[in-house]
Amino acid sequence: MKTLFAAIALTALLSSCAALSTQYQHPITKETKKCEAFGIGWIGAPAAFIMQEQCKGEMKKAGFAKIQ
C-alpha cells in the first residue's frame, strides 16, 4: 500500500500542468489581446510561466493595460 501511495505522489509531483491566460486592452484603440500559455510536465509548466511573462512584457511595452 505504501508503494502505491508513493507512486501516486511521485506521478503527481512530476506531472504538473499550467494553463495561464491574461487579457489586455489598449487604452486608446480599445483593441484587446490575450497572453495565453499552456504546459504539461516538469518542463512544460515552467516553460508556460516563462512564455506568459514574456507576453506580459510585450503587451506593456506596446501600451496595453491588463483588464481586471
Protein backbone atom coordinates (compact mmCIF):
# COMPACT_ATOMS: atom_id res chain seq x y z
CA MET A 1 0.00 0.00 0.00
CA LYS A 2 2.86 2.40 0.80
CA THR A 3 4.41 1.70 -2.60
CA LEU A 4 1.15 2.57 -4.36
CA PHE A 5 0.86 5.83 -2.42
CA ALA A 6 4.50 6.70 -3.18
CA ALA A 7 3.96 6.00 -6.89
CA ILE A 8 0.85 8.19 -6.99
CA ALA A 9 2.60 11.01 -5.11
CA LEU A 10 5.63 10.85 -7.41
CA THR A 11 3.42 10.87 -10.51
CA ALA A 12 1.51 13.91 -9.24
CA LEU A 13 4.76 15.72 -8.47
CA LEU A 14 6.29 15.09 -11.91
CA SER A 15 3.17 15.66 -13.99
CA SER A 16 2.41 19.27 -13.23
CA CYS A 17 0.25 21.35 -15.52
CA ALA A 18 -0.14 25.08 -16.14
CA ALA A 19 -2.84 26.91 -18.08
CA LEU A 20 -2.44 30.69 -17.94
CA SER A 21 -4.42 33.46 -19.58
CA THR A 22 -4.34 37.24 -19.13
CA GLN A 23 -6.33 39.72 -21.18
CA TYR A 24 -5.09 43.19 -22.12
CA GLN A 25 -6.72 46.25 -23.68
CA HIS A 26 -5.14 49.24 -25.37
CA PRO A 27 -6.42 52.43 -23.71
CA ILE A 28 -6.66 54.44 -26.94
CA THR A 29 -7.71 51.95 -29.63
CA LYS A 30 -9.68 49.68 -27.22
CA GLU A 31 -8.14 46.69 -29.02
CA THR A 32 -7.98 43.58 -26.80
CA LYS A 33 -5.35 40.83 -26.83
CA LYS A 34 -4.66 37.77 -24.72
CA CYS A 35 -1.48 36.28 -23.35
CA GLU A 36 -2.10 32.53 -23.16
CA ALA A 37 0.25 29.71 -22.32
CA PHE A 38 -0.20 26.01 -21.54
CA GLY A 39 2.33 23.46 -20.42
CA ILE A 40 2.39 19.90 -19.12
CA GLY A 41 5.08 18.19 -17.11
CA TRP A 42 8.11 19.32 -15.21
CA ILE A 43 9.47 21.11 -18.29
CA GLY A 44 6.24 22.31 -19.89
CA ALA A 45 4.71 24.01 -16.84
CA PRO A 46 7.73 26.26 -16.11
CA ALA A 47 8.04 27.00 -19.84
CA ALA A 48 4.40 28.16 -19.83
CA PHE A 49 5.15 30.57 -16.98
CA ILE A 50 8.16 31.96 -18.88
CA MET A 51 6.14 32.42 -22.09
CA GLN A 52 3.36 34.14 -20.13
CA GLU A 53 5.79 36.60 -18.52
CA GLN A 54 7.40 37.39 -21.89
CA CYS A 55 3.99 38.08 -23.42
CA LYS A 56 3.03 40.32 -20.50
CA GLY A 57 6.21 42.35 -21.00
CA GLU A 58 5.50 42.76 -24.72
CA MET A 59 1.93 43.92 -24.01
CA LYS A 60 3.11 46.51 -21.50
CA LYS A 61 5.75 47.82 -23.93
CA ALA A 62 3.06 48.18 -26.61
CA GLY A 63 0.94 50.26 -24.23
CA PHE A 64 -1.67 47.67 -23.34
CA ALA A 65 -3.16 47.54 -19.83
CA LYS A 66 -4.29 44.42 -18.01
CA ILE A 67 -8.07 44.03 -17.84
CA GLN A 68 -9.17 43.37 -14.26
